[in-house]
């Protein structure tokens, strides 16, 4: 690619880009069901604990489920006492969007938090007035991700997908570009990986270019749309 076809307009850095989103502000209590693995302290004290049926709604139907209860109080035994009331955080990964594992509400929640994390840096930009633009994003992160994925390999496309979409959307929302269609963005945000030694060094460096390819600058429709004089 001829470098003359990409003219740098602006560059910004998003330090410590978020790797998790808050799925829930407060984790709900879970209870031991018959069939779960029960800690020995409960199974060995059958004089104190018992199974009792409760009506619950599952998959839209009312069913009876046996829960472990304290005989004296009749209260169900909580299986996650150390997590109740704490935030539930989930790693950000576009793969969950592709395969449908992330439901719409969680997806919107994740995208919303990514946009929030971009807002301060995008607000600092002056409105872009020269179009169309191309957007490169240098993703600085560790090669081995021990902190967020226990050292498992990760895919750059899957990792970056929700960030790229969020960045373009936020450019429009903050009125830095009029629209995000092909008349204004001819190369949407895509990631270029840069390895760093420490997770605390992670960041996104965004470079926005004016697209000066002849097929664009000499195109009748682009000239007409952006009010340029047609030669």
C-alpha atoms as a PDB file:
ATOM      1  CA  UNK A   1       0.000   0.000   0.000  1.00  0.00           C
ATOM      2  CA  UNK A   2       1.414   3.390  -1.030  1.00  0.00           C
ATOM      3  CA  UNK A   3       1.810   5.494   2.125  1.00  0.00           C
ATOM      4  CA  UNK A   4       0.691   8.575   0.183  1.00  0.00           C
ATOM      5  CA  UNK A   5      -2.826   7.137   0.099  1.00  0.00           C
ATOM      6  CA  UNK A   6      -3.052   7.372   3.904  1.00  0.00           C
ATOM      7  CA  UNK A   7      -2.598  10.844   5.368  1.00  0.00           C
ATOM      8  CA  UNK A   8      -2.554  10.900   9.182  1.00  0.00           C
ATOM      9  CA  UNK A   9      -5.188  13.238  10.636  1.00  0.00           C
ATOM     10  CA  UNK A  10      -5.118  12.432  14.327  1.00  0.00           C
ATOM     11  CA  UNK A  11      -3.768   9.890  16.821  1.00  0.00           C
ATOM     12  CA  UNK A  12      -5.042   9.085  20.297  1.00  0.00           C
ATOM     13  CA  UNK A  13      -4.136   6.602  23.016  1.00  0.00           C
ATOM     14  CA  UNK A  14      -6.518   4.663  25.266  1.00  0.00           C
ATOM     15  CA  UNK A  15      -4.370   3.375  28.168  1.00  0.00           C
ATOM     16  CA  UNK A  16      -5.249   0.215  30.084  1.00  0.00           C
ATOM     17  CA  UNK A  17      -8.171  -0.580  27.774  1.00  0.00           C
ATOM     18  CA  UNK A  18     -10.823  -2.547  29.631  1.00  0.00           C
ATOM     19  CA  UNK A  19     -10.637  -6.318  29.376  1.00  0.00           C
ATOM     20  CA  UNK A  20     -13.712  -7.118  31.480  1.00  0.00           C
ATOM     21  CA  UNK A  21     -17.237  -5.813  31.767  1.00  0.00           C
ATOM     22  CA  UNK A  22     -19.490  -5.852  34.811  1.00  0.00           C
ATOM     23  CA  UNK A  23     -22.211  -8.392  34.124  1.00  0.00           C
ATOM     24  CA  UNK A  24     -23.913  -7.816  37.454  1.00  0.00           C
ATOM     25  CA  UNK A  25     -23.404  -5.230  40.194  1.00  0.00           C
ATOM     26  CA  UNK A  26     -24.399  -7.785  42.810  1.00  0.00           C
ATOM     27  CA  UNK A  27     -24.101 -11.561  42.395  1.00  0.00           C
ATOM     28  CA  UNK A  28     -27.237 -13.345  43.538  1.00  0.00           C
ATOM     29  CA  UNK A  29     -27.249 -16.186  45.990  1.00  0.00           C
ATOM     30  CA  UNK A  30     -27.248 -19.739  44.633  1.00  0.00           C
ATOM     31  CA  UNK A  31     -28.500 -22.704  46.599  1.00  0.00           C
ATOM     32  CA  UNK A  32     -27.543 -26.391  46.779  1.00  0.00           C
ATOM     33  CA  UNK A  33     -29.843 -28.564  44.670  1.00  0.00           C
ATOM     34  CA  UNK A  34     -30.195 -32.309  44.877  1.00  0.00           C
ATOM     35  CA  UNK A  35     -27.611 -33.687  42.482  1.00  0.00           C
ATOM     36  CA  UNK A  36     -25.026 -30.978  43.236  1.00  0.00           C
ATOM     37  CA  UNK A  37     -21.743 -31.856  44.917  1.00  0.00           C
ATOM     38  CA  UNK A  38     -22.405 -31.135  48.590  1.00  0.00           C
ATOM     39  CA  UNK A  39     -19.619 -30.228  51.048  1.00  0.00           C
ATOM     40  CA  UNK A  40     -18.894 -32.939  53.593  1.00  0.00           C
ATOM     41  CA  UNK A  41     -19.932 -30.754  56.526  1.00  0.00           C
ATOM     42  CA  UNK A  42     -23.516 -30.840  55.242  1.00  0.00           C
ATOM     43  CA  UNK A  43     -23.718 -34.454  54.103  1.00  0.00           C
ATOM     44  CA  UNK A  44     -22.341 -35.764  57.415  1.00  0.00           C
ATOM     45  CA  UNK A  45     -24.801 -33.830  59.572  1.00  0.00           C
ATOM     46  CA  UNK A  46     -28.114 -35.166  58.362  1.00  0.00           C
ATOM     47  CA  UNK A  47     -29.682 -34.320  61.719  1.00  0.00           C
ATOM     48  CA  UNK A  48     -29.173 -30.616  60.923  1.00  0.00           C
ATOM     49  CA  UNK A  49     -29.824 -30.516  57.187  1.00  0.00           C
ATOM     50  CA  UNK A  50     -32.426 -31.998  54.871  1.00  0.00           C
ATOM     51  CA  UNK A  51     -33.819 -31.811  51.335  1.00  0.00           C
ATOM     52  CA  UNK A  52     -37.047 -29.917  50.799  1.00  0.00           C
ATOM     53  CA  UNK A  53     -39.038 -29.295  47.633  1.00  0.00           C
ATOM     54  CA  UNK A  54     -39.646 -25.707  46.477  1.00  0.00           C
ATOM     55  CA  UNK A  55     -41.640 -24.432  43.506  1.00  0.00           C
ATOM     56  CA  UNK A  56     -39.486 -22.495  41.035  1.00  0.00           C
ATOM     57  CA  UNK A  57     -39.920 -21.135  37.510  1.00  0.00           C
ATOM     58  CA  UNK A  58     -37.543 -22.641  34.947  1.00  0.00           C
ATOM     59  CA  UNK A  59     -37.804 -22.131  31.203  1.00  0.00           C
ATOM     60  CA  UNK A  60     -41.129 -20.422  31.785  1.00  0.00           C
ATOM     61  CA  UNK A  61     -42.620 -23.406  33.635  1.00  0.00           C
ATOM     62  CA  UNK A  62     -43.370 -23.980  37.306  1.00  0.00           C
ATOM     63  CA  UNK A  63     -41.486 -27.031  38.629  1.00  0.00           C
ATOM     64  CA  UNK A  64     -40.568 -28.525  42.004  1.00  0.00           C
ATOM     65  CA  UNK A  65     -36.870 -28.635  42.884  1.00  0.00           C
ATOM     66  CA  UNK A  66     -35.267 -30.187  45.992  1.00  0.00           C
ATOM     67  CA  UNK A  67     -32.974 -27.763  47.832  1.00  0.00           C
ATOM     68  CA  UNK A  68     -30.767 -28.373  50.852  1.00  0.00           C
ATOM     69  CA  UNK A  69     -32.209 -26.583  53.899  1.00  0.00           C
ATOM     70  CA  UNK A  70     -31.365 -25.952  57.511  1.00  0.00           C
ATOM     71  CA  UNK A  71     -33.873 -28.032  59.486  1.00  0.00           C
ATOM     72  CA  UNK A  72     -34.127 -25.529  62.320  1.00  0.00           C
ATOM     73  CA  UNK A  73     -34.852 -22.432  60.224  1.00  0.00           C
ATOM     74  CA  UNK A  74     -36.124 -23.980  57.000  1.00  0.00           C
ATOM     75  CA  UNK A  75     -33.811 -21.654  55.035  1.00  0.00           C
ATOM     76  CA  UNK A  76     -32.071 -22.884  51.893  1.00  0.00           C
ATOM     77  CA  UNK A  77     -28.285 -23.277  52.179  1.00  0.00           C
ATOM     78  CA  UNK A  78     -26.343 -20.798  50.031  1.00  0.00           C
ATOM     79  CA  UNK A  79     -23.695 -22.436  47.834  1.00  0.00           C
ATOM     80  CA  UNK A  80     -21.799 -19.217  46.958  1.00  0.00           C
ATOM     81  CA  UNK A  81     -21.715 -17.218  50.226  1.00  0.00           C
ATOM     82  CA  UNK A  82     -18.364 -15.570  49.475  1.00  0.00           C
ATOM     83  CA  UNK A  83     -19.617 -14.146  46.154  1.00  0.00           C
ATOM     84  CA  UNK A  84     -23.057 -12.895  47.151  1.00  0.00           C
ATOM     85  CA  UNK A  85     -23.274  -9.123  46.806  1.00  0.00           C
ATOM     86  CA  UNK A  86     -20.013  -8.791  44.839  1.00  0.00           C
ATOM     87  CA  UNK A  87     -19.643  -7.702  41.221  1.00  0.00           C
ATOM     88  CA  UNK A  88     -19.653 -10.355  38.544  1.00  0.00           C
ATOM     89  CA  UNK A  89     -17.089  -9.558  35.868  1.00  0.00           C
ATOM     90  CA  UNK A  90     -16.786 -11.293  32.502  1.00  0.00           C
ATOM     91  CA  UNK A  91     -13.891 -11.161  30.045  1.00  0.00           C
ATOM     92  CA  UNK A  92     -14.624  -9.199  26.864  1.00  0.00           C
ATOM     93  CA  UNK A  93     -14.448 -11.410  23.783  1.00  0.00           C
ATOM     94  CA  UNK A  94     -16.267 -11.058  20.482  1.00  0.00           C
ATOM     95  CA  UNK A  95     -16.502 -14.845  20.112  1.00  0.00           C
ATOM     96  CA  UNK A  96     -19.454 -14.857  22.491  1.00  0.00           C
ATOM     97  CA  UNK A  97     -21.323 -12.547  20.114  1.00  0.00           C
ATOM     98  CA  UNK A  98     -20.608 -14.739  17.079  1.00  0.00           C
ATOM     99  CA  UNK A  99     -21.666 -18.018  18.669  1.00  0.00           C
ATOM    100  CA  UNK A 100     -24.678 -16.602  20.517  1.00  0.00           C
ATOM    101  CA  UNK A 101     -23.382 -17.403  24.010  1.00  0.00           C
ATOM    102  CA  UNK A 102     -23.826 -13.750  24.975  1.00  0.00           C
ATOM    103  CA  UNK A 103     -27.491 -12.783  25.127  1.00  0.00           C
ATOM    104  CA  UNK A 104     -28.680  -9.425  23.814  1.00  0.00           C
ATOM    105  CA  UNK A 105     -28.889  -7.774  27.223  1.00  0.00           C
ATOM    106  CA  UNK A 106     -25.355  -8.844  28.162  1.00  0.00           C
ATOM    107  CA  UNK A 107     -24.057  -7.876  24.721  1.00  0.00           C
ATOM    108  CA  UNK A 108     -25.539  -4.389  25.015  1.00  0.00           C
ATOM    109  CA  UNK A 109     -24.150  -4.128  28.524  1.00  0.00           C
ATOM    110  CA  UNK A 110     -20.661  -5.107  27.335  1.00  0.00           C
ATOM    111  CA  UNK A 111     -20.688  -2.735  24.342  1.00  0.00           C
ATOM    112  CA  UNK A 112     -22.020   0.083  26.506  1.00  0.00           C
ATOM    113  CA  UNK A 113     -19.181  -0.263  28.990  1.00  0.00           C
ATOM    114  CA  UNK A 114     -16.592  -0.331  26.197  1.00  0.00           C
ATOM    115  CA  UNK A 115     -18.062   2.877  24.764  1.00  0.00           C
ATOM    116  CA  UNK A 116     -17.983   4.457  28.216  1.00  0.00           C
ATOM    117  CA  UNK A 117     -14.294   3.595  28.492  1.00  0.00           C
ATOM    118  CA  UNK A 118     -13.587   5.339  25.156  1.00  0.00           C
ATOM    119  CA  UNK A 119     -15.652   8.451  25.843  1.00  0.00           C
ATOM    120  CA  UNK A 120     -13.084  10.650  27.566  1.00  0.00           C
ATOM    121  CA  UNK A 121     -10.431  10.211  24.866  1.00  0.00           C
ATOM    122  CA  UNK A 122     -12.899  10.626  21.986  1.00  0.00           C
ATOM    123  CA  UNK A 123     -14.392  13.758  23.551  1.00  0.00           C
ATOM    124  CA  UNK A 124     -10.902  15.289  23.505  1.00  0.00           C
ATOM    125  CA  UNK A 125     -10.804  15.087  19.692  1.00  0.00           C
ATOM    126  CA  UNK A 126     -11.709  17.969  17.445  1.00  0.00           C
ATOM    127  CA  UNK A 127     -14.459  17.113  14.947  1.00  0.00           C
ATOM    128  CA  UNK A 128     -13.043  15.471  11.830  1.00  0.00           C
ATOM    129  CA  UNK A 129     -13.799  17.463   8.690  1.00  0.00           C
ATOM    130  CA  UNK A 130     -11.877  15.631   5.964  1.00  0.00           C
ATOM    131  CA  UNK A 131     -13.402  12.465   4.590  1.00  0.00           C
ATOM    132  CA  UNK A 132     -13.469   9.599   4.049  1.00  0.00           C
ATOM    133  CA  UNK A 133     -11.248   8.189   6.783  1.00  0.00           C
ATOM    134  CA  UNK A 134      -9.395   4.960   7.498  1.00  0.00           C
ATOM    135  CA  UNK A 135      -8.774   3.752  11.048  1.00  0.00           C
ATOM    136  CA  UNK A 136      -5.881   1.645  12.300  1.00  0.00           C
ATOM    137  CA  UNK A 137      -5.768   0.483  15.925  1.00  0.00           C
ATOM    138  CA  UNK A 138      -2.522  -0.767  17.431  1.00  0.00           C
ATOM    139  CA  UNK A 139      -3.440  -3.188  20.193  1.00  0.00           C
ATOM    140  CA  UNK A 140      -0.677  -3.406  22.803  1.00  0.00           C
ATOM    141  CA  UNK A 141      -1.059  -6.496  24.980  1.00  0.00           C
ATOM    142  CA  UNK A 142       0.847  -9.504  26.294  1.00  0.00           C
ATOM    143  CA  UNK A 143       1.374 -12.516  24.051  1.00  0.00           C
ATOM    144  CA  UNK A 144       0.565 -14.886  26.919  1.00  0.00           C
ATOM    145  CA  UNK A 145      -2.502 -13.722  28.796  1.00  0.00           C
ATOM    146  CA  UNK A 146      -2.148 -15.126  32.304  1.00  0.00           C
ATOM    147  CA  UNK A 147      -4.238 -12.437  33.957  1.00  0.00           C
ATOM    148  CA  UNK A 148      -7.513 -12.710  32.023  1.00  0.00           C
ATOM    149  CA  UNK A 149      -7.457 -16.068  30.227  1.00  0.00           C
ATOM    150  CA  UNK A 150      -5.119 -18.287  32.288  1.00  0.00           C
ATOM    151  CA  UNK A 151      -2.530 -18.373  29.529  1.00  0.00           C
ATOM    152  CA  UNK A 152      -4.883 -19.674  26.827  1.00  0.00           C
ATOM    153  CA  UNK A 153      -4.237 -18.594  23.250  1.00  0.00           C
ATOM    154  CA  UNK A 154      -6.480 -15.819  22.010  1.00  0.00           C
ATOM    155  CA  UNK A 155      -7.580 -14.661  18.586  1.00  0.00           C
ATOM    156  CA  UNK A 156      -6.998 -11.017  17.613  1.00  0.00           C
ATOM    157  CA  UNK A 157     -10.199 -10.739  15.552  1.00  0.00           C
ATOM    158  CA  UNK A 158     -12.353 -12.177  18.327  1.00  0.00           C
ATOM    159  CA  UNK A 159     -10.702 -10.022  20.981  1.00  0.00           C
ATOM    160  CA  UNK A 160     -10.958  -6.772  19.046  1.00  0.00           C
ATOM    161  CA  UNK A 161     -14.347  -7.022  17.310  1.00  0.00           C
ATOM    162  CA  UNK A 162     -16.465  -5.331  20.034  1.00  0.00           C
ATOM    163  CA  UNK A 163     -13.854  -2.593  20.527  1.00  0.00           C
ATOM    164  CA  UNK A 164     -13.721  -1.665  16.848  1.00  0.00           C
ATOM    165  CA  UNK A 165     -17.488  -1.440  16.533  1.00  0.00           C
ATOM    166  CA  UNK A 166     -17.731   0.571  19.749  1.00  0.00           C
ATOM    167  CA  UNK A 167     -15.062   3.059  18.674  1.00  0.00           C
ATOM    168  CA  UNK A 168     -16.724   3.873  15.344  1.00  0.00           C
ATOM    169  CA  UNK A 169     -20.135   4.185  17.006  1.00  0.00           C
ATOM    170  CA  UNK A 170     -18.759   6.517  19.655  1.00  0.00           C
ATOM    171  CA  UNK A 171     -17.080   8.739  17.049  1.00  0.00           C
ATOM    172  CA  UNK A 172     -20.520   9.336  15.578  1.00  0.00           C
ATOM    173  CA  UNK A 173     -22.297   9.679  18.925  1.00  0.00           C
ATOM    174  CA  UNK A 174     -19.799  12.321  20.082  1.00  0.00           C
ATOM    175  CA  UNK A 175     -20.287  14.204  16.773  1.00  0.00           C
ATOM    176  CA  UNK A 176     -16.683  13.728  15.697  1.00  0.00           C
ATOM    177  CA  UNK A 177     -17.951  12.384  12.368  1.00  0.00           C
ATOM    178  CA  UNK A 178     -21.374  13.024  10.768  1.00  0.00           C
ATOM    179  CA  UNK A 179     -22.018   9.361   9.893  1.00  0.00           C
ATOM    180  CA  UNK A 180     -20.186   6.043   9.990  1.00  0.00           C
ATOM    181  CA  UNK A 181     -21.239   4.736   6.566  1.00  0.00           C
ATOM    182  CA  UNK A 182     -18.940   4.117   3.582  1.00  0.00           C
ATOM    183  CA  UNK A 183     -18.948   7.798   2.558  1.00  0.00           C
ATOM    184  CA  UNK A 184     -17.176   8.613   5.809  1.00  0.00           C
ATOM    185  CA  UNK A 185     -15.300   5.439   6.798  1.00  0.00           C
ATOM    186  CA  UNK A 186     -13.698   3.371   4.058  1.00  0.00           C
ATOM    187  CA  UNK A 187     -11.577   1.275   6.421  1.00  0.00           C
ATOM    188  CA  UNK A 188     -13.250   0.546   9.776  1.00  0.00           C
ATOM    189  CA  UNK A 189     -11.190   0.072  12.935  1.00  0.00           C
ATOM    190  CA  UNK A 190      -9.061  -3.062  12.772  1.00  0.00           C
ATOM    191  CA  UNK A 191      -6.366  -4.274  15.132  1.00  0.00           C
ATOM    192  CA  UNK A 192      -2.622  -4.505  14.598  1.00  0.00           C
ATOM    193  CA  UNK A 193      -1.000  -6.446  17.434  1.00  0.00           C
ATOM    194  CA  UNK A 194       1.982  -5.090  19.368  1.00  0.00           C
ATOM    195  CA  UNK A 195       3.388  -7.341  22.152  1.00  0.00           C
ATOM    196  CA  UNK A 196       4.279  -5.846  25.538  1.00  0.00           C
ATOM    197  CA  UNK A 197       5.885  -7.542  28.565  1.00  0.00           C
ATOM    198  CA  UNK A 198       3.309  -6.614  31.220  1.00  0.00           C
ATOM    199  CA  UNK A 199      -0.503  -6.536  31.292  1.00  0.00           C
ATOM    200  CA  UNK A 200      -0.300  -3.081  32.896  1.00  0.00           C
ATOM    201  CA  UNK A 201       1.282  -1.818  29.648  1.00  0.00           C
ATOM    202  CA  UNK A 202      -1.784  -2.692  27.569  1.00  0.00           C
ATOM    203  CA  UNK A 203      -3.331   0.104  25.521  1.00  0.00           C
ATOM    204  CA  UNK A 204      -4.998   0.963  22.239  1.00  0.00           C
ATOM    205  CA  UNK A 205      -3.331   3.487  19.948  1.00  0.00           C
ATOM    206  CA  UNK A 206      -5.773   4.726  17.321  1.00  0.00           C
ATOM    207  CA  UNK A 207      -4.580   6.364  14.108  1.00  0.00           C
ATOM    208  CA  UNK A 208      -7.143   8.044  11.872  1.00  0.00           C
ATOM    209  CA  UNK A 209      -6.140   8.752   8.286  1.00  0.00           C
ATOM    210  CA  UNK A 210      -7.623  10.631   5.373  1.00  0.00           C
ATOM    211  CA  UNK A 211      -8.191   8.159   2.544  1.00  0.00           C
ATOM    212  CA  UNK A 212      -6.330   9.601  -0.452  1.00  0.00           C
ATOM    213  CA  UNK A 213      -6.567   6.630  -2.770  1.00  0.00           C
ATOM    214  CA  UNK A 214      -7.182   7.761  -6.375  1.00  0.00           C
ATOM    215  CA  UNK A 215     -10.232   5.493  -6.602  1.00  0.00           C
ATOM    216  CA  UNK A 216     -11.743   7.592  -3.792  1.00  0.00           C
ATOM    217  CA  UNK A 217     -10.532  11.154  -4.447  1.00  0.00           C
ATOM    218  CA  UNK A 218     -11.373  10.899  -8.158  1.00  0.00           C
ATOM    219  CA  UNK A 219     -14.728   9.244  -7.637  1.00  0.00           C
ATOM    220  CA  UNK A 220     -17.732  11.290  -8.794  1.00  0.00           C
ATOM    221  CA  UNK A 221     -20.015  10.107  -5.988  1.00  0.00           C
ATOM    222  CA  UNK A 222     -17.518  10.872  -3.247  1.00  0.00           C
ATOM    223  CA  UNK A 223     -16.871  14.333  -4.659  1.00  0.00           C
ATOM    224  CA  UNK A 224     -20.589  14.994  -4.915  1.00  0.00           C
ATOM    225  CA  UNK A 225     -21.352  13.709  -1.431  1.00  0.00           C
ATOM    226  CA  UNK A 226     -18.644  15.801   0.256  1.00  0.00           C
ATOM    227  CA  UNK A 227     -19.355  18.904  -1.800  1.00  0.00           C
ATOM    228  CA  UNK A 228     -16.053  18.910  -3.618  1.00  0.00           C
ATOM    229  CA  UNK A 229     -15.597  20.548  -6.991  1.00  0.00           C
ATOM    230  CA  UNK A 230     -15.721  17.985  -9.796  1.00  0.00           C
ATOM    231  CA  UNK A 231     -12.888  18.287 -12.284  1.00  0.00           C
END
